[in-house]
PDB file of N, CA and C in Angstrom:
ATOM      1  N   MET A   1     -65.448  24.723  -4.040  1.00  0.00           N
ATOM      2  CA  MET A   1     -64.115  24.593  -3.510  1.00  0.00           C
ATOM      3  C   MET A   1     -63.518  25.983  -3.375  1.00  0.00           C
ATOM      4  N   PRO A   2     -62.986  26.305  -2.183  1.00  0.00           N
ATOM      5  CA  PRO A   2     -62.474  27.663  -1.984  1.00  0.00           C
ATOM      6  C   PRO A   2     -61.150  27.882  -2.713  1.00  0.00           C
ATOM      7  N   GLU A   3     -60.944  29.091  -3.130  1.00  0.00           N
ATOM      8  CA  GLU A   3     -59.685  29.495  -3.783  1.00  0.00           C
ATOM      9  C   GLU A   3     -58.737  30.011  -2.706  1.00  0.00           C
ATOM     10  N   TYR A   4     -57.558  29.416  -2.621  1.00  0.00           N
ATOM     11  CA  TYR A   4     -56.575  29.847  -1.643  1.00  0.00           C
ATOM     12  C   TYR A   4     -55.601  30.813  -2.293  1.00  0.00           C
ATOM     13  N   GLY A   5     -55.239  31.844  -1.546  1.00  0.00           N
ATOM     14  CA  GLY A   5     -54.286  32.816  -2.047  1.00  0.00           C
ATOM     15  C   GLY A   5     -52.869  32.270  -2.011  1.00  0.00           C
ATOM     16  N   SER A   6     -52.018  32.869  -2.803  1.00  0.00           N
ATOM     17  CA  SER A   6     -50.639  32.384  -2.879  1.00  0.00           C
ATOM     18  C   SER A   6     -49.900  32.580  -1.557  1.00  0.00           C
ATOM     19  N   LEU A   7     -50.210  33.622  -0.803  1.00  0.00           N
ATOM     20  CA  LEU A   7     -49.580  33.842   0.492  1.00  0.00           C
ATOM     21  C   LEU A   7     -49.958  32.733   1.468  1.00  0.00           C
ATOM     22  N   PHE A   8     -51.218  32.342   1.466  1.00  0.00           N
ATOM     23  CA  PHE A   8     -51.677  31.271   2.349  1.00  0.00           C
ATOM     24  C   PHE A   8     -50.986  29.957   2.006  1.00  0.00           C
ATOM     25  N   VAL A   9     -50.892  29.640   0.724  1.00  0.00           N
ATOM     26  CA  VAL A   9     -50.250  28.402   0.297  1.00  0.00           C
ATOM     27  C   VAL A   9     -48.768  28.413   0.671  1.00  0.00           C
ATOM     28  N   CYS A  10     -48.126  29.540   0.499  1.00  0.00           N
ATOM     29  CA  CYS A  10     -46.704  29.664   0.842  1.00  0.00           C
ATOM     30  C   CYS A  10     -46.500  29.483   2.343  1.00  0.00           C
ATOM     31  N   LEU A  11     -47.308  30.126   3.150  1.00  0.00           N
ATOM     32  CA  LEU A  11     -47.170  30.008   4.603  1.00  0.00           C
ATOM     33  C   LEU A  11     -47.486  28.601   5.089  1.00  0.00           C
ATOM     34  N   MET A  12     -48.470  27.950   4.496  1.00  0.00           N
ATOM     35  CA  MET A  12     -48.802  26.572   4.881  1.00  0.00           C
ATOM     36  C   MET A  12     -47.664  25.617   4.515  1.00  0.00           C
ATOM     37  N   GLY A  13     -47.068  25.817   3.356  1.00  0.00           N
ATOM     38  CA  GLY A  13     -45.953  24.967   2.955  1.00  0.00           C
ATOM     39  C   GLY A  13     -44.753  25.150   3.862  1.00  0.00           C
ATOM     40  N   MET A  14     -44.429  26.398   4.158  1.00  0.00           N
ATOM     41  CA  MET A  14     -43.292  26.666   5.038  1.00  0.00           C
ATOM     42  C   MET A  14     -43.569  26.159   6.448  1.00  0.00           C
ATOM     43  N   GLY A  15     -44.802  26.307   6.911  1.00  0.00           N
ATOM     44  CA  GLY A  15     -45.170  25.806   8.232  1.00  0.00           C
ATOM     45  C   GLY A  15     -45.067  24.296   8.317  1.00  0.00           C
ATOM     46  N   THR A  16     -45.490  23.613   7.256  1.00  0.00           N
ATOM     47  CA  THR A  16     -45.410  22.155   7.226  1.00  0.00           C
ATOM     48  C   THR A  16     -43.956  21.689   7.270  1.00  0.00           C
ATOM     49  N   VAL A  17     -43.106  22.316   6.486  1.00  0.00           N
ATOM     50  CA  VAL A  17     -41.690  21.951   6.474  1.00  0.00           C
ATOM     51  C   VAL A  17     -41.055  22.245   7.829  1.00  0.00           C
ATOM     52  N   PHE A  18     -41.375  23.390   8.411  1.00  0.00           N
ATOM     53  CA  PHE A  18     -40.823  23.765   9.708  1.00  0.00           C
ATOM     54  C   PHE A  18     -41.260  22.770  10.780  1.00  0.00           C
ATOM     55  N   PHE A  19     -42.528  22.374  10.755  1.00  0.00           N
ATOM     56  CA  PHE A  19     -43.035  21.393  11.711  1.00  0.00           C
ATOM     57  C   PHE A  19     -42.341  20.040  11.521  1.00  0.00           C
ATOM     58  N   GLY A  20     -42.138  19.638  10.282  1.00  0.00           N
ATOM     59  CA  GLY A  20     -41.452  18.381  10.005  1.00  0.00           C
ATOM     60  C   GLY A  20     -40.020  18.391  10.511  1.00  0.00           C
ATOM     61  N   LEU A  21     -39.323  19.512  10.320  1.00  0.00           N
ATOM     62  CA  LEU A  21     -37.948  19.617  10.806  1.00  0.00           C
ATOM     63  C   LEU A  21     -37.876  19.567  12.330  1.00  0.00           C
ATOM     64  N   ILE A  22     -38.833  20.191  12.988  1.00  0.00           N
ATOM     65  CA  ILE A  22     -38.879  20.134  14.452  1.00  0.00           C
ATOM     66  C   ILE A  22     -39.100  18.698  14.913  1.00  0.00           C
ATOM     67  N   CYS A  23     -39.985  17.972  14.226  1.00  0.00           N
ATOM     68  CA  CYS A  23     -40.215  16.566  14.573  1.00  0.00           C
ATOM     69  C   CYS A  23     -38.942  15.738  14.391  1.00  0.00           C
ATOM     70  N   LEU A  24     -38.200  15.982  13.318  1.00  0.00           N
ATOM     71  CA  LEU A  24     -36.946  15.258  13.106  1.00  0.00           C
ATOM     72  C   LEU A  24     -35.934  15.557  14.206  1.00  0.00           C
ATOM     73  N   ILE A  25     -35.841  16.792  14.615  1.00  0.00           N
ATOM     74  CA  ILE A  25     -34.903  17.160  15.680  1.00  0.00           C
ATOM     75  C   ILE A  25     -35.281  16.469  16.982  1.00  0.00           C
ATOM     76  N   VAL A  26     -36.564  16.467  17.297  1.00  0.00           N
ATOM     77  CA  VAL A  26     -37.018  15.832  18.532  1.00  0.00           C
ATOM     78  C   VAL A  26     -36.753  14.330  18.486  1.00  0.00           C
ATOM     79  N   LEU A  27     -37.067  13.696  17.365  1.00  0.00           N
ATOM     80  CA  LEU A  27     -36.865  12.252  17.253  1.00  0.00           C
ATOM     81  C   LEU A  27     -35.392  11.877  17.322  1.00  0.00           C
ATOM     82  N   THR A  28     -34.516  12.634  16.660  1.00  0.00           N
ATOM     83  CA  THR A  28     -33.089  12.305  16.720  1.00  0.00           C
ATOM     84  C   THR A  28     -32.518  12.555  18.111  1.00  0.00           C
ATOM     85  N   THR A  29     -33.029  13.549  18.811  1.00  0.00           N
ATOM     86  CA  THR A  29     -32.587  13.793  20.187  1.00  0.00           C
ATOM     87  C   THR A  29     -32.993  12.637  21.089  1.00  0.00           C
ATOM     88  N   ILE A  30     -34.225  12.176  20.941  1.00  0.00           N
ATOM     89  CA  ILE A  30     -34.703  11.052  21.751  1.00  0.00           C
ATOM     90  C   ILE A  30     -33.907   9.791  21.428  1.00  0.00           C
ATOM     91  N   MET A  31     -33.700   9.517  20.158  1.00  0.00           N
ATOM     92  CA  MET A  31     -32.948   8.319  19.773  1.00  0.00           C
ATOM     93  C   MET A  31     -31.492   8.410  20.233  1.00  0.00           C
ATOM     94  N   GLY A  32     -30.913   9.600  20.209  1.00  0.00           N
ATOM     95  CA  GLY A  32     -29.549   9.775  20.689  1.00  0.00           C
ATOM     96  C   GLY A  32     -29.427   9.481  22.165  1.00  0.00           C
ATOM     97  N   LYS A  33     -30.446   9.863  22.940  1.00  0.00           N
ATOM     98  CA  LYS A  33     -30.404   9.588  24.372  1.00  0.00           C
ATOM     99  C   LYS A  33     -30.622   8.111  24.652  1.00  0.00           C
ATOM    100  N   ILE A  34     -31.433   7.453  23.841  1.00  0.00           N
ATOM    101  CA  ILE A  34     -31.680   6.029  24.044  1.00  0.00           C
ATOM    102  C   ILE A  34     -30.442   5.220  23.666  1.00  0.00           C
ATOM    103  N   VAL A  35     -29.903   5.456  22.500  1.00  0.00           N
ATOM    104  CA  VAL A  35     -28.776   4.675  22.007  1.00  0.00           C
ATOM    105  C   VAL A  35     -27.460   5.142  22.627  1.00  0.00           C
ATOM    106  N   GLY A  36     -27.309   6.424  22.859  1.00  0.00           N
ATOM    107  CA  GLY A  36     -26.058   6.970  23.375  1.00  0.00           C
ATOM    108  C   GLY A  36     -25.824   6.670  24.835  1.00  0.00           C
ATOM    109  N   GLY A  37     -26.783   6.089  25.536  1.00  0.00           N
ATOM    110  CA  GLY A  37     -26.629   5.787  26.947  1.00  0.00           C
ATOM    111  C   GLY A  37     -25.654   4.656  27.205  1.00  0.00           C
ATOM    112  N   ARG A  38     -25.403   3.829  26.189  1.00  0.00           N
ATOM    113  CA  ARG A  38     -24.495   2.704  26.344  1.00  0.00           C
ATOM    114  C   ARG A  38     -23.061   3.152  26.074  1.00  0.00           C
ATOM    115  N   PRO A  39     -22.115   2.737  26.906  1.00  0.00           N
ATOM    116  CA  PRO A  39     -20.713   3.110  26.632  1.00  0.00           C
ATOM    117  C   PRO A  39     -20.184   2.336  25.427  1.00  0.00           C
ATOM    118  N   ALA A  40     -19.346   2.986  24.666  1.00  0.00           N
ATOM    119  CA  ALA A  40     -18.751   2.360  23.492  1.00  0.00           C
ATOM    120  C   ALA A  40     -17.681   1.367  23.943  1.00  0.00           C
ATOM    121  N   PRO A  41     -17.557   0.237  23.261  1.00  0.00           N
ATOM    122  CA  PRO A  41     -16.518  -0.719  23.644  1.00  0.00           C
ATOM    123  C   PRO A  41     -15.134  -0.143  23.370  1.00  0.00           C
ATOM    124  N   ALA A  42     -14.201  -0.499  24.228  1.00  0.00           N
ATOM    125  CA  ALA A  42     -12.843   0.025  24.097  1.00  0.00           C
ATOM    126  C   ALA A  42     -12.189  -0.580  22.858  1.00  0.00           C
ATOM    127  N   ALA A  43     -11.563   0.272  22.082  1.00  0.00           N
ATOM    128  CA  ALA A  43     -10.879  -0.185  20.873  1.00  0.00           C
ATOM    129  C   ALA A  43      -9.521  -0.764  21.251  1.00  0.00           C
ATOM    130  N   PRO A  44      -9.107  -1.828  20.578  1.00  0.00           N
ATOM    131  CA  PRO A  44      -7.782  -2.381  20.888  1.00  0.00           C
ATOM    132  C   PRO A  44      -6.685  -1.417  20.463  1.00  0.00           C
ATOM    133  N   ALA A  45      -5.561  -1.513  21.136  1.00  0.00           N
ATOM    134  CA  ALA A  45      -4.433  -0.633  20.828  1.00  0.00           C
ATOM    135  C   ALA A  45      -3.929  -0.931  19.423  1.00  0.00           C
ATOM    136  N   PRO A  46      -3.662   0.106  18.630  1.00  0.00           N
ATOM    137  CA  PRO A  46      -3.189  -0.127  17.265  1.00  0.00           C
ATOM    138  C   PRO A  46      -1.780  -0.727  17.264  1.00  0.00           C
ATOM    139  N   VAL A  47      -1.581  -1.616  16.324  1.00  0.00           N
ATOM    140  CA  VAL A  47      -0.283  -2.262  16.191  1.00  0.00           C
ATOM    141  C   VAL A  47       0.599  -1.382  15.319  1.00  0.00           C
ATOM    142  N   ALA A  48       1.822  -1.116  15.783  1.00  0.00           N
ATOM    143  CA  ALA A  48       2.739  -0.261  15.041  1.00  0.00           C
ATOM    144  C   ALA A  48       3.233  -0.997  13.800  1.00  0.00           C
ATOM    145  N   ALA A  49       3.145  -0.332  12.644  1.00  0.00           N
ATOM    146  CA  ALA A  49       3.614  -0.927  11.400  1.00  0.00           C
ATOM    147  C   ALA A  49       5.115  -0.738  11.280  1.00  0.00           C
ATOM    148  N   ALA A  50       5.720  -1.565  10.485  1.00  0.00           N
ATOM    149  CA  ALA A  50       7.162  -1.469  10.276  1.00  0.00           C
ATOM    150  C   ALA A  50       7.470  -0.235   9.439  1.00  0.00           C
ATOM    151  N   PRO A  51       8.234   0.737   9.956  1.00  0.00           N
ATOM    152  CA  PRO A  51       8.492   1.965   9.203  1.00  0.00           C
ATOM    153  C   PRO A  51       9.375   1.740   7.979  1.00  0.00           C
ATOM    154  N   ALA A  52      10.220   0.720   7.978  1.00  0.00           N
ATOM    155  CA  ALA A  52      11.109   0.488   6.842  1.00  0.00           C
ATOM    156  C   ALA A  52      10.305   0.096   5.612  1.00  0.00           C
ATOM    157  N   ALA A  53       9.262  -0.694   5.785  1.00  0.00           N
ATOM    158  CA  ALA A  53       8.448  -1.118   4.658  1.00  0.00           C
ATOM    159  C   ALA A  53       7.617   0.052   4.129  1.00  0.00           C
ATOM    160  N   GLN A  54       7.286   0.980   4.965  1.00  0.00           N
ATOM    161  CA  GLN A  54       6.468   2.114   4.557  1.00  0.00           C
ATOM    162  C   GLN A  54       7.273   3.136   3.771  1.00  0.00           C
ATOM    163  N   GLU A  55       8.559   3.252   4.032  1.00  0.00           N
ATOM    164  CA  GLU A  55       9.391   4.246   3.353  1.00  0.00           C
ATOM    165  C   GLU A  55       9.479   3.997   1.858  1.00  0.00           C
ATOM    166  N   GLY A  56       9.517   2.755   1.435  1.00  0.00           N
ATOM    167  CA  GLY A  56       9.605   2.450   0.018  1.00  0.00           C
ATOM    168  C   GLY A  56       8.354   2.865  -0.731  1.00  0.00           C
ATOM    169  N   ASN A  57       7.215   2.745  -0.095  1.00  0.00           N
ATOM    170  CA  ASN A  57       5.950   3.096  -0.733  1.00  0.00           C
ATOM    171  C   ASN A  57       5.650   4.590  -0.660  1.00  0.00           C
ATOM    172  N   ARG A  58       6.309   5.298   0.223  1.00  0.00           N
ATOM    173  CA  ARG A  58       6.005   6.719   0.421  1.00  0.00           C
ATOM    174  C   ARG A  58       6.243   7.535  -0.850  1.00  0.00           C
ATOM    175  N   GLN A  59       7.312   7.259  -1.563  1.00  0.00           N
ATOM    176  CA  GLN A  59       7.591   7.996  -2.795  1.00  0.00           C
ATOM    177  C   GLN A  59       6.559   7.673  -3.869  1.00  0.00           C
ATOM    178  N   GLU A  60       6.147   6.406  -3.932  1.00  0.00           N
ATOM    179  CA  GLU A  60       5.128   6.026  -4.905  1.00  0.00           C
ATOM    180  C   GLU A  60       3.786   6.672  -4.580  1.00  0.00           C
ATOM    181  N   ILE A  61       3.455   6.718  -3.316  1.00  0.00           N
ATOM    182  CA  ILE A  61       2.204   7.348  -2.900  1.00  0.00           C
ATOM    183  C   ILE A  61       2.245   8.839  -3.184  1.00  0.00           C
ATOM    184  N   ALA A  62       3.366   9.487  -2.887  1.00  0.00           N
ATOM    185  CA  ALA A  62       3.500  10.921  -3.159  1.00  0.00           C
ATOM    186  C   ALA A  62       3.380  11.199  -4.653  1.00  0.00           C
ATOM    187  N   ALA A  63       3.952  10.331  -5.485  1.00  0.00           N
ATOM    188  CA  ALA A  63       3.855  10.508  -6.930  1.00  0.00           C
ATOM    189  C   ALA A  63       2.421  10.344  -7.407  1.00  0.00           C
ATOM    190  N   ALA A  64       1.719   9.358  -6.853  1.00  0.00           N
ATOM    191  CA  ALA A  64       0.327   9.134  -7.254  1.00  0.00           C
ATOM    192  C   ALA A  64      -0.568  10.289  -6.813  1.00  0.00           C
ATOM    193  N   VAL A  65      -0.349  10.787  -5.601  1.00  0.00           N
ATOM    194  CA  VAL A  65      -1.158  11.896  -5.099  1.00  0.00           C
ATOM    195  C   VAL A  65      -0.908  13.159  -5.912  1.00  0.00           C
ATOM    196  N   SER A  66       0.358  13.450  -6.202  1.00  0.00           N
ATOM    197  CA  SER A  66       0.660  14.654  -6.980  1.00  0.00           C
ATOM    198  C   SER A  66       0.130  14.532  -8.402  1.00  0.00           C
ATOM    199  N   ALA A  67       0.141  13.331  -8.984  1.00  0.00           N
ATOM    200  CA  ALA A  67      -0.422  13.141 -10.322  1.00  0.00           C
ATOM    201  C   ALA A  67      -1.927  13.355 -10.314  1.00  0.00           C
ATOM    202  N   ALA A  68      -2.605  12.871  -9.277  1.00  0.00           N
ATOM    203  CA  ALA A  68      -4.052  13.055  -9.186  1.00  0.00           C
ATOM    204  C   ALA A  68      -4.412  14.525  -9.002  1.00  0.00           C
ATOM    205  N   ILE A  69      -3.648  15.229  -8.177  1.00  0.00           N
ATOM    206  CA  ILE A  69      -3.909  16.655  -7.955  1.00  0.00           C
ATOM    207  C   ILE A  69      -3.643  17.443  -9.234  1.00  0.00           C
ATOM    208  N   ALA A  70      -2.562  17.132  -9.922  1.00  0.00           N
ATOM    209  CA  ALA A  70      -2.234  17.829 -11.167  1.00  0.00           C
ATOM    210  C   ALA A  70      -3.314  17.583 -12.219  1.00  0.00           C
ATOM    211  N   GLU A  71      -3.829  16.370 -12.284  1.00  0.00           N
ATOM    212  CA  GLU A  71      -4.894  16.051 -13.243  1.00  0.00           C
ATOM    213  C   GLU A  71      -6.166  16.822 -12.914  1.00  0.00           C
ATOM    214  N   GLU A  72      -6.501  16.896 -11.635  1.00  0.00           N
ATOM    215  CA  GLU A  72      -7.718  17.602 -11.225  1.00  0.00           C
ATOM    216  C   GLU A  72      -7.605  19.103 -11.480  1.00  0.00           C
ATOM    217  N   LEU A  73      -6.422  19.666 -11.213  1.00  0.00           N
ATOM    218  CA  LEU A  73      -6.227  21.101 -11.402  1.00  0.00           C
ATOM    219  C   LEU A  73      -5.929  21.467 -12.848  1.00  0.00           C
ATOM    220  N   GLY A  74      -5.572  20.471 -13.659  1.00  0.00           N
ATOM    221  CA  GLY A  74      -5.251  20.733 -15.059  1.00  0.00           C
ATOM    222  C   GLY A  74      -3.905  21.404 -15.236  1.00  0.00           C
ATOM    223  N   THR A  75      -2.970  21.124 -14.345  1.00  0.00           N
ATOM    224  CA  THR A  75      -1.635  21.702 -14.434  1.00  0.00           C
ATOM    225  C   THR A  75      -0.607  20.598 -14.633  1.00  0.00           C
ATOM    226  N   SER A  76       0.633  21.004 -14.779  1.00  0.00           N
ATOM    227  CA  SER A  76       1.722  20.047 -14.922  1.00  0.00           C
ATOM    228  C   SER A  76       2.090  19.486 -13.555  1.00  0.00           C
ATOM    229  N   ILE A  77       2.586  18.269 -13.551  1.00  0.00           N
ATOM    230  CA  ILE A  77       2.955  17.628 -12.289  1.00  0.00           C
ATOM    231  C   ILE A  77       4.175  18.299 -11.668  1.00  0.00           C
ATOM    232  N   THR A  78       4.978  18.996 -12.477  1.00  0.00           N
ATOM    233  CA  THR A  78       6.145  19.680 -11.934  1.00  0.00           C
ATOM    234  C   THR A  78       5.755  20.909 -11.116  1.00  0.00           C
ATOM    235  N   GLY A  79       4.529  21.397 -11.291  1.00  0.00           N
ATOM    236  CA  GLY A  79       4.068  22.554 -10.535  1.00  0.00           C
ATOM    237  C   GLY A  79       3.499  22.193  -9.174  1.00  0.00           C
ATOM    238  N   ILE A  80       3.440  20.913  -8.851  1.00  0.00           N
ATOM    239  CA  ILE A  80       2.888  20.463  -7.576  1.00  0.00           C
ATOM    240  C   ILE A  80       4.034  20.100  -6.650  1.00  0.00           C
ATOM    241  N   ARG A  81       3.985  20.620  -5.423  1.00  0.00           N
ATOM    242  CA  ARG A  81       4.998  20.275  -4.423  1.00  0.00           C
ATOM    243  C   ARG A  81       4.287  19.830  -3.150  1.00  0.00           C
ATOM    244  N   ILE A  82       4.492  18.597  -2.783  1.00  0.00           N
ATOM    245  CA  ILE A  82       3.883  18.063  -1.566  1.00  0.00           C
ATOM    246  C   ILE A  82       4.851  18.291  -0.418  1.00  0.00           C
ATOM    247  N   VAL A  83       4.414  19.038   0.585  1.00  0.00           N
ATOM    248  CA  VAL A  83       5.260  19.386   1.711  1.00  0.00           C
ATOM    249  C   VAL A  83       5.256  18.262   2.750  1.00  0.00           C
ATOM    250  N   SER A  84       4.074  17.771   3.075  1.00  0.00           N
ATOM    251  CA  SER A  84       3.995  16.692   4.075  1.00  0.00           C
ATOM    252  C   SER A  84       2.733  15.883   3.812  1.00  0.00           C
ATOM    253  N   MET A  85       2.790  14.637   4.237  1.00  0.00           N
ATOM    254  CA  MET A  85       1.642  13.745   4.150  1.00  0.00           C
ATOM    255  C   MET A  85       1.532  13.024   5.476  1.00  0.00           C
ATOM    256  N   LYS A  86       0.315  12.927   5.990  1.00  0.00           N
ATOM    257  CA  LYS A  86       0.129  12.142   7.198  1.00  0.00           C
ATOM    258  C   LYS A  86      -1.129  11.312   7.054  1.00  0.00           C
ATOM    259  N   LYS A  87      -1.101  10.168   7.666  1.00  0.00           N
ATOM    260  CA  LYS A  87      -2.205   9.242   7.600  1.00  0.00           C
ATOM    261  C   LYS A  87      -3.332   9.718   8.512  1.00  0.00           C
ATOM    262  N   LEU A  88      -4.545   9.685   7.995  1.00  0.00           N
ATOM    263  CA  LEU A  88      -5.693  10.095   8.804  1.00  0.00           C
ATOM    264  C   LEU A  88      -6.373   8.905   9.409  1.00  0.00           C
TER     265      LEU A  88
END
């Protein structure tokens, strides 16, 4: 059984990984063209929520978010100031 040098083993391993990554790129490109050819169905228009009901919860949500941030940072909740919040 032949003895392989460490350089040969390293290059073969890197070559195998590089070849595998190229195959993944080619396969995902082909699958994207096959599946992406269909148009996406139109999403229904979002229904506007009642803003009055949301205002009551906004302070509670801000308090919960600031408490979570203060806990994660290990600081006091009085040191956290939330400037704005928007729904994503």
